[in-house]
Amino acid sequence: MNFLVFQHLDVEHPGVFREFWKEDGISWTTIALNEGDAIPDDLERYDALAVMGGPMDTWQTDLHPWLISEIAAIRHYAVTLQKPYLGICLGHQLLACALGGSVGPASIPEVGLCSVEATPQGISDPFFNGIEFPMRTLQWHGAEVQSLPDDAIILATSPLCAIQSFRWGPHAYGIQFHAELTAETVADWSRIPEYAAYLEQVLGKQGAETLTKQSLAALPQFRQTAFQFHTNFMNKLAG
């Protein structure tokens, strides 16, 4: 199998999923959109599309004009080709835009280790097989999906963000939370100005140190959850 990855920042990569992909013999091609990489014309040859997070917002097309072509490519892949899609954070929001939903600033940025609850539809969705709720997650976002088309299914929610996960059709998934984190994630992201501002706003000046300690302590649990998501997504591919 060969996956396609849309990346928006070098430190916002697939993280721990790369280990699982290697173990399963999956190769992947990374398109660094923020560095000017072109989106392939032959999207149909990839078995799945994973779209990662980034400090830009979906509506900042003047600053990042490639967002327009990225949203079009996501729409083509998920809707026209109806192939498996996984969007994380910004990738979750871009999928919503591609489907005709809306994304806007959150009333309060959601940053830190937060609990996510499944909806009744989420509890029964194969993507959440084996996932225990409430699920502890890493959150780091100041924008959120605010509306979805009627045929999208909301799978998870939190007190500060009503749409933490959704599915469109049988194959396209978005998750607002971060399941991909590694031991380096918080330190790497703390150096990004936009993320550092959210971190200080929510957790104070010692936020980076606090969140690093918390995330490292929770890393075995996060890794287990990420592996379960990987297993469930691969089962969807096999099905």
C-alpha atoms as a PDB file:
ATOM      1  CA  MET A   1       0.000   0.000   0.000  1.00  0.00           C
ATOM      2  CA  ASN A   2       1.043   3.590  -0.616  1.00  0.00           C
ATOM      3  CA  PHE A   3      -0.454   6.464   1.351  1.00  0.00           C
ATOM      4  CA  LEU A   4      -0.403  10.138   0.403  1.00  0.00           C
ATOM      5  CA  VAL A   5       0.255  12.680   3.158  1.00  0.00           C
ATOM      6  CA  PHE A   6      -0.533  16.391   2.917  1.00  0.00           C
ATOM      7  CA  GLN A   7       1.734  18.224   5.349  1.00  0.00           C
ATOM      8  CA  HIS A   8       1.646  21.912   6.305  1.00  0.00           C
ATOM      9  CA  LEU A   9       4.656  22.166   8.625  1.00  0.00           C
ATOM     10  CA  ASP A  10       7.706  19.934   8.980  1.00  0.00           C
ATOM     11  CA  VAL A  11       7.026  19.180  12.671  1.00  0.00           C
ATOM     12  CA  GLU A  12       3.358  18.312  12.024  1.00  0.00           C
ATOM     13  CA  HIS A  13       3.962  14.943  10.432  1.00  0.00           C
ATOM     14  CA  PRO A  14       2.130  11.627  10.949  1.00  0.00           C
ATOM     15  CA  GLY A  15       4.099  11.087  14.160  1.00  0.00           C
ATOM     16  CA  VAL A  16       3.689   7.661  15.728  1.00  0.00           C
ATOM     17  CA  PHE A  17       1.573   6.476  12.778  1.00  0.00           C
ATOM     18  CA  ARG A  18       4.792   6.322  10.766  1.00  0.00           C
ATOM     19  CA  GLU A  19       5.984   3.487  13.002  1.00  0.00           C
ATOM     20  CA  PHE A  20       2.763   1.551  12.486  1.00  0.00           C
ATOM     21  CA  TRP A  21       2.875   2.121   8.739  1.00  0.00           C
ATOM     22  CA  LYS A  22       6.449   0.831   8.544  1.00  0.00           C
ATOM     23  CA  GLU A  23       5.530  -2.251  10.562  1.00  0.00           C
ATOM     24  CA  ASP A  24       2.700  -2.970   8.115  1.00  0.00           C
ATOM     25  CA  GLY A  25       4.885  -2.426   5.045  1.00  0.00           C
ATOM     26  CA  ILE A  26       3.049   0.736   4.010  1.00  0.00           C
ATOM     27  CA  SER A  27       4.992   3.354   2.079  1.00  0.00           C
ATOM     28  CA  TRP A  28       3.938   6.985   1.921  1.00  0.00           C
ATOM     29  CA  THR A  29       4.545  10.078  -0.142  1.00  0.00           C
ATOM     30  CA  THR A  30       4.637  13.413   1.691  1.00  0.00           C
ATOM     31  CA  ILE A  31       3.522  16.600  -0.048  1.00  0.00           C
ATOM     32  CA  ALA A  32       4.824  19.626   1.879  1.00  0.00           C
ATOM     33  CA  LEU A  33       2.292  22.192   0.716  1.00  0.00           C
ATOM     34  CA  ASN A  34       3.797  25.026   2.769  1.00  0.00           C
ATOM     35  CA  GLU A  35       7.096  24.455   0.954  1.00  0.00           C
ATOM     36  CA  GLY A  36       5.556  24.623  -2.507  1.00  0.00           C
ATOM     37  CA  ASP A  37       5.213  20.918  -3.316  1.00  0.00           C
ATOM     38  CA  ALA A  38       2.684  20.225  -6.047  1.00  0.00           C
ATOM     39  CA  ILE A  39      -0.315  17.983  -5.434  1.00  0.00           C
ATOM     40  CA  PRO A  40      -0.048  14.873  -7.656  1.00  0.00           C
ATOM     41  CA  ASP A  41      -2.386  14.653 -10.634  1.00  0.00           C
ATOM     42  CA  ASP A  42      -2.864  10.905 -10.173  1.00  0.00           C
ATOM     43  CA  LEU A  43      -4.531  10.875  -6.756  1.00  0.00           C
ATOM     44  CA  GLU A  44      -6.386   7.675  -7.593  1.00  0.00           C
ATOM     45  CA  ARG A  45      -3.202   5.590  -7.327  1.00  0.00           C
ATOM     46  CA  TYR A  46      -2.908   6.181  -3.577  1.00  0.00           C
ATOM     47  CA  ASP A  47      -4.657   3.837  -1.165  1.00  0.00           C
ATOM     48  CA  ALA A  48      -5.427   6.510   1.456  1.00  0.00           C
ATOM     49  CA  LEU A  49      -4.962  10.222   2.022  1.00  0.00           C
ATOM     50  CA  ALA A  50      -3.846  11.530   5.434  1.00  0.00           C
ATOM     51  CA  VAL A  51      -3.956  15.302   5.975  1.00  0.00           C
ATOM     52  CA  MET A  52      -2.109  16.699   8.966  1.00  0.00           C
ATOM     53  CA  GLY A  53      -2.384  19.816  11.138  1.00  0.00           C
ATOM     54  CA  GLY A  54      -0.799  23.219  10.720  1.00  0.00           C
ATOM     55  CA  PRO A  55      -0.738  26.745  12.153  1.00  0.00           C
ATOM     56  CA  MET A  56      -2.672  28.253   9.247  1.00  0.00           C
ATOM     57  CA  ASP A  57      -6.472  28.512   9.176  1.00  0.00           C
ATOM     58  CA  THR A  58      -8.746  27.223   6.433  1.00  0.00           C
ATOM     59  CA  TRP A  59      -9.917  30.730   5.514  1.00  0.00           C
ATOM     60  CA  GLN A  60      -6.399  32.179   5.092  1.00  0.00           C
ATOM     61  CA  THR A  61      -6.338  31.608   1.362  1.00  0.00           C
ATOM     62  CA  ASP A  62      -4.798  35.042   0.691  1.00  0.00           C
ATOM     63  CA  LEU A  63      -1.782  34.119   2.809  1.00  0.00           C
ATOM     64  CA  HIS A  64      -1.721  30.488   1.699  1.00  0.00           C
ATOM     65  CA  PRO A  65      -3.273  30.240  -1.769  1.00  0.00           C
ATOM     66  CA  TRP A  66      -2.420  26.536  -1.981  1.00  0.00           C
ATOM     67  CA  LEU A  67      -5.266  25.918   0.493  1.00  0.00           C
ATOM     68  CA  ILE A  68      -7.679  26.354  -2.420  1.00  0.00           C
ATOM     69  CA  SER A  69      -6.122  23.567  -4.467  1.00  0.00           C
ATOM     70  CA  GLU A  70      -5.742  21.424  -1.358  1.00  0.00           C
ATOM     71  CA  ILE A  71      -9.442  21.646  -0.526  1.00  0.00           C
ATOM     72  CA  ALA A  72     -10.271  20.818  -4.147  1.00  0.00           C
ATOM     73  CA  ALA A  73      -7.947  17.796  -4.027  1.00  0.00           C
ATOM     74  CA  ILE A  74      -9.525  16.584  -0.781  1.00  0.00           C
ATOM     75  CA  ARG A  75     -12.985  16.930  -2.315  1.00  0.00           C
ATOM     76  CA  HIS A  76     -11.884  14.997  -5.392  1.00  0.00           C
ATOM     77  CA  TYR A  77     -10.267  12.237  -3.343  1.00  0.00           C
ATOM     78  CA  ALA A  78     -12.962  11.771  -0.692  1.00  0.00           C
ATOM     79  CA  VAL A  79     -16.096  12.626  -2.668  1.00  0.00           C
ATOM     80  CA  THR A  80     -15.408  11.893  -6.333  1.00  0.00           C
ATOM     81  CA  LEU A  81     -13.014   8.970  -5.916  1.00  0.00           C
ATOM     82  CA  GLN A  82     -14.601   7.909  -2.595  1.00  0.00           C
ATOM     83  CA  LYS A  83     -11.294   6.693  -1.218  1.00  0.00           C
ATOM     84  CA  PRO A  84     -10.212   6.436   2.455  1.00  0.00           C
ATOM     85  CA  TYR A  85      -9.321   9.728   4.114  1.00  0.00           C
ATOM     86  CA  LEU A  86      -8.026  10.649   7.576  1.00  0.00           C
ATOM     87  CA  GLY A  87      -7.768  14.308   8.564  1.00  0.00           C
ATOM     88  CA  ILE A  88      -6.169  15.416  11.835  1.00  0.00           C
ATOM     89  CA  CYS A  89      -6.777  18.907  13.291  1.00  0.00           C
ATOM     90  CA  LEU A  90      -6.401  21.190  10.241  1.00  0.00           C
ATOM     91  CA  GLY A  91      -6.962  18.112   8.069  1.00  0.00           C
ATOM     92  CA  HIS A  92     -10.256  17.532   9.902  1.00  0.00           C
ATOM     93  CA  GLN A  93     -11.280  21.144   9.260  1.00  0.00           C
ATOM     94  CA  LEU A  94     -10.250  21.000   5.587  1.00  0.00           C
ATOM     95  CA  LEU A  95     -12.411  17.936   5.051  1.00  0.00           C
ATOM     96  CA  ALA A  96     -15.375  19.845   6.494  1.00  0.00           C
ATOM     97  CA  CYS A  97     -14.689  22.707   4.058  1.00  0.00           C
ATOM     98  CA  ALA A  98     -14.366  20.293   1.143  1.00  0.00           C
ATOM     99  CA  LEU A  99     -17.795  18.867   1.976  1.00  0.00           C
ATOM    100  CA  GLY A 100     -19.462  22.292   2.179  1.00  0.00           C
ATOM    101  CA  GLY A 101     -19.299  22.711   5.955  1.00  0.00           C
ATOM    102  CA  SER A 102     -17.892  25.718   7.775  1.00  0.00           C
ATOM    103  CA  VAL A 103     -14.883  26.380   9.998  1.00  0.00           C
ATOM    104  CA  GLY A 104     -14.338  29.415  12.222  1.00  0.00           C
ATOM    105  CA  PRO A 105     -12.506  30.648  15.306  1.00  0.00           C
ATOM    106  CA  ALA A 106     -13.300  28.784  18.509  1.00  0.00           C
ATOM    107  CA  SER A 107     -14.773  30.882  21.302  1.00  0.00           C
ATOM    108  CA  ILE A 108     -12.019  29.512  23.563  1.00  0.00           C
ATOM    109  CA  PRO A 109      -8.864  27.791  22.248  1.00  0.00           C
ATOM    110  CA  GLU A 110      -8.690  24.168  23.345  1.00  0.00           C
ATOM    111  CA  VAL A 111      -5.155  23.317  24.457  1.00  0.00           C
ATOM    112  CA  GLY A 112      -3.846  20.570  26.711  1.00  0.00           C
ATOM    113  CA  LEU A 113      -4.906  17.096  27.747  1.00  0.00           C
ATOM    114  CA  CYS A 114      -8.678  17.006  27.418  1.00  0.00           C
ATOM    115  CA  SER A 115     -11.415  14.388  27.519  1.00  0.00           C
ATOM    116  CA  VAL A 116     -13.486  13.557  24.463  1.00  0.00           C
ATOM    117  CA  GLU A 117     -16.808  11.716  24.564  1.00  0.00           C
ATOM    118  CA  ALA A 118     -18.289   9.577  21.817  1.00  0.00           C
ATOM    119  CA  THR A 119     -21.744  10.258  20.417  1.00  0.00           C
ATOM    120  CA  PRO A 120     -24.104   7.274  20.104  1.00  0.00           C
ATOM    121  CA  GLN A 121     -23.068   7.063  16.443  1.00  0.00           C
ATOM    122  CA  GLY A 122     -19.409   7.177  17.446  1.00  0.00           C
ATOM    123  CA  ILE A 123     -19.751   4.317  19.906  1.00  0.00           C
ATOM    124  CA  SER A 124     -20.994   2.072  17.109  1.00  0.00           C
ATOM    125  CA  ASP A 125     -18.613   3.317  14.406  1.00  0.00           C
ATOM    126  CA  PRO A 126     -15.843   0.849  13.412  1.00  0.00           C
ATOM    127  CA  PHE A 127     -13.245   3.642  13.606  1.00  0.00           C
ATOM    128  CA  PHE A 128     -13.742   3.753  17.381  1.00  0.00           C
ATOM    129  CA  ASN A 129     -13.679  -0.002  17.963  1.00  0.00           C
ATOM    130  CA  GLY A 130     -11.706  -0.752  21.123  1.00  0.00           C
ATOM    131  CA  ILE A 131     -11.444   2.920  22.127  1.00  0.00           C
ATOM    132  CA  GLU A 132     -12.403   3.646  25.736  1.00  0.00           C
ATOM    133  CA  PHE A 133     -14.494   6.726  26.497  1.00  0.00           C
ATOM    134  CA  PRO A 134     -14.116   9.272  27.861  1.00  0.00           C
ATOM    135  CA  MET A 135     -10.952   9.327  25.764  1.00  0.00           C
ATOM    136  CA  ARG A 136      -7.988  11.388  26.906  1.00  0.00           C
ATOM    137  CA  THR A 137      -6.544  13.397  24.033  1.00  0.00           C
ATOM    138  CA  LEU A 138      -4.069  16.126  23.211  1.00  0.00           C
ATOM    139  CA  GLN A 139      -5.789  19.271  21.942  1.00  0.00           C
ATOM    140  CA  TRP A 140      -4.086  22.305  20.402  1.00  0.00           C
ATOM    141  CA  HIS A 141      -6.401  24.403  18.265  1.00  0.00           C
ATOM    142  CA  GLY A 142      -8.008  27.816  18.074  1.00  0.00           C
ATOM    143  CA  ALA A 143     -10.352  27.064  15.158  1.00  0.00           C
ATOM    144  CA  GLU A 144     -13.100  24.474  14.922  1.00  0.00           C
ATOM    145  CA  VAL A 145     -15.609  22.892  12.586  1.00  0.00           C
ATOM    146  CA  GLN A 146     -18.842  24.803  13.147  1.00  0.00           C
ATOM    147  CA  SER A 147     -21.200  23.131  10.694  1.00  0.00           C
ATOM    148  CA  LEU A 148     -21.353  20.033   8.519  1.00  0.00           C
ATOM    149  CA  PRO A 149     -23.569  18.836   5.680  1.00  0.00           C
ATOM    150  CA  ASP A 150     -26.606  16.823   6.760  1.00  0.00           C
ATOM    151  CA  ASP A 151     -25.088  13.553   5.585  1.00  0.00           C
ATOM    152  CA  ALA A 152     -22.009  13.861   7.809  1.00  0.00           C
ATOM    153  CA  ILE A 153     -22.099  11.934  11.097  1.00  0.00           C
ATOM    154  CA  ILE A 154     -20.663  13.486  14.272  1.00  0.00           C
ATOM    155  CA  LEU A 155     -18.752  10.790  16.150  1.00  0.00           C
ATOM    156  CA  ALA A 156     -17.170  12.581  19.121  1.00  0.00           C
ATOM    157  CA  THR A 157     -17.511  15.812  21.073  1.00  0.00           C
ATOM    158  CA  SER A 158     -16.009  17.772  23.984  1.00  0.00           C
ATOM    159  CA  PRO A 159     -17.273  20.634  26.187  1.00  0.00           C
ATOM    160  CA  LEU A 160     -15.314  23.243  24.205  1.00  0.00           C
ATOM    161  CA  CYS A 161     -15.674  21.723  20.738  1.00  0.00           C
ATOM    162  CA  ALA A 162     -18.925  20.140  19.605  1.00  0.00           C
ATOM    163  CA  ILE A 163     -17.433  18.413  16.551  1.00  0.00           C
ATOM    164  CA  GLN A 164     -14.336  16.530  17.693  1.00  0.00           C
ATOM    165  CA  SER A 165     -14.723  13.838  15.051  1.00  0.00           C
ATOM    166  CA  PHE A 166     -16.983  13.106  12.135  1.00  0.00           C
ATOM    167  CA  ARG A 167     -17.410  10.678   9.289  1.00  0.00           C
ATOM    168  CA  TRP A 168     -18.643  11.322   5.796  1.00  0.00           C
ATOM    169  CA  GLY A 169     -19.718   8.286   3.812  1.00  0.00           C
ATOM    170  CA  PRO A 170     -18.099   4.985   4.812  1.00  0.00           C
ATOM    171  CA  HIS A 171     -14.507   6.079   4.286  1.00  0.00           C
ATOM    172  CA  ALA A 172     -13.710   9.711   5.184  1.00  0.00           C
ATOM    173  CA  TYR A 173     -12.865  10.596   8.800  1.00  0.00           C
ATOM    174  CA  GLY A 174     -11.849  13.781  10.564  1.00  0.00           C
ATOM    175  CA  ILE A 175     -10.503  14.105  14.110  1.00  0.00           C
ATOM    176  CA  GLN A 176      -9.863  17.466  15.762  1.00  0.00           C
ATOM    177  CA  PHE A 177      -7.705  15.980  18.522  1.00  0.00           C
ATOM    178  CA  HIS A 178      -4.147  14.739  18.053  1.00  0.00           C
ATOM    179  CA  ALA A 179      -3.641  10.980  18.128  1.00  0.00           C
ATOM    180  CA  GLU A 180      -0.244  11.044  16.425  1.00  0.00           C
ATOM    181  CA  LEU A 181       1.917  12.563  19.149  1.00  0.00           C
ATOM    182  CA  THR A 182       5.401  11.351  20.033  1.00  0.00           C
ATOM    183  CA  ALA A 183       7.830  12.243  22.820  1.00  0.00           C
ATOM    184  CA  GLU A 184       8.972  15.270  20.782  1.00  0.00           C
ATOM    185  CA  THR A 185       5.567  16.673  19.834  1.00  0.00           C
ATOM    186  CA  VAL A 186       4.946  19.226  22.586  1.00  0.00           C
ATOM    187  CA  ALA A 187       8.512  20.565  22.528  1.00  0.00           C
ATOM    188  CA  ASP A 188       8.436  20.904  18.733  1.00  0.00           C
ATOM    189  CA  TRP A 189       5.042  22.601  18.634  1.00  0.00           C
ATOM    190  CA  SER A 190       5.842  24.940  21.532  1.00  0.00           C
ATOM    191  CA  ARG A 191       8.350  26.671  19.257  1.00  0.00           C
ATOM    192  CA  ILE A 192       5.667  27.582  16.699  1.00  0.00           C
ATOM    193  CA  PRO A 193       4.559  31.178  17.451  1.00  0.00           C
ATOM    194  CA  GLU A 194       0.851  30.595  16.829  1.00  0.00           C
ATOM    195  CA  TYR A 195       0.817  27.477  18.997  1.00  0.00           C
ATOM    196  CA  ALA A 196       2.905  29.094  21.730  1.00  0.00           C
ATOM    197  CA  ALA A 197       0.365  31.930  21.940  1.00  0.00           C
ATOM    198  CA  TYR A 198      -2.553  29.519  22.385  1.00  0.00           C
ATOM    199  CA  LEU A 199      -0.545  27.549  24.944  1.00  0.00           C
ATOM    200  CA  GLU A 200       0.217  30.607  27.070  1.00  0.00           C
ATOM    201  CA  GLN A 201      -3.349  31.908  26.764  1.00  0.00           C
ATOM    202  CA  VAL A 202      -4.813  28.671  28.106  1.00  0.00           C
ATOM    203  CA  LEU A 203      -2.118  27.210  30.366  1.00  0.00           C
ATOM    204  CA  GLY A 204      -0.043  30.245  31.340  1.00  0.00           C
ATOM    205  CA  LYS A 205       3.650  31.031  30.968  1.00  0.00           C
ATOM    206  CA  GLN A 206       4.702  27.627  32.284  1.00  0.00           C
ATOM    207  CA  GLY A 207       2.308  25.912  29.908  1.00  0.00           C
ATOM    208  CA  ALA A 208       4.948  24.287  27.711  1.00  0.00           C
ATOM    209  CA  GLU A 209       6.740  22.741  30.681  1.00  0.00           C
ATOM    210  CA  THR A 210       3.490  21.558  32.248  1.00  0.00           C
ATOM    211  CA  LEU A 211       2.115  20.090  29.046  1.00  0.00           C
ATOM    212  CA  THR A 212       5.411  18.371  28.223  1.00  0.00           C
ATOM    213  CA  LYS A 213       5.392  16.567  31.586  1.00  0.00           C
ATOM    214  CA  GLN A 214       1.725  15.618  31.256  1.00  0.00           C
ATOM    215  CA  SER A 215       2.019  14.363  27.698  1.00  0.00           C
ATOM    216  CA  LEU A 216       5.153  12.311  28.397  1.00  0.00           C
ATOM    217  CA  ALA A 217       3.442  10.666  31.376  1.00  0.00           C
ATOM    218  CA  ALA A 218       0.442   9.824  29.202  1.00  0.00           C
ATOM    219  CA  LEU A 219       2.468   8.734  26.156  1.00  0.00           C
ATOM    220  CA  PRO A 220       2.023   4.946  26.618  1.00  0.00           C
ATOM    221  CA  GLN A 221      -1.750   5.408  26.755  1.00  0.00           C
ATOM    222  CA  PHE A 222      -1.705   7.730  23.723  1.00  0.00           C
ATOM    223  CA  ARG A 223       0.400   5.245  21.776  1.00  0.00           C
ATOM    224  CA  GLN A 224      -2.044   2.441  22.549  1.00  0.00           C
ATOM    225  CA  THR A 225      -4.963   4.605  21.407  1.00  0.00           C
ATOM    226  CA  ALA A 226      -3.125   5.599  18.222  1.00  0.00           C
ATOM    227  CA  PHE A 227      -2.394   1.949  17.455  1.00  0.00           C
ATOM    228  CA  GLN A 228      -6.088   1.125  17.868  1.00  0.00           C
ATOM    229  CA  PHE A 229      -7.035   3.929  15.467  1.00  0.00           C
ATOM    230  CA  HIS A 230      -4.444   2.633  13.009  1.00  0.00           C
ATOM    231  CA  THR A 231      -5.823  -0.905  13.297  1.00  0.00           C
ATOM    232  CA  ASN A 232      -9.385   0.282  12.810  1.00  0.00           C
ATOM    233  CA  PHE A 233      -8.474   2.420   9.791  1.00  0.00           C
ATOM    234  CA  MET A 234      -6.591  -0.476   8.208  1.00  0.00           C
ATOM    235  CA  ASN A 235      -9.602  -2.714   8.778  1.00  0.00           C
ATOM    236  CA  LYS A 236     -11.700  -0.155   6.925  1.00  0.00           C
ATOM    237  CA  LEU A 237      -9.226  -0.308   4.052  1.00  0.00           C
ATOM    238  CA  ALA A 238      -9.343  -4.090   4.008  1.00  0.00           C
ATOM    239  CA  GLY A 239     -13.128  -4.071   4.075  1.00  0.00           C
END
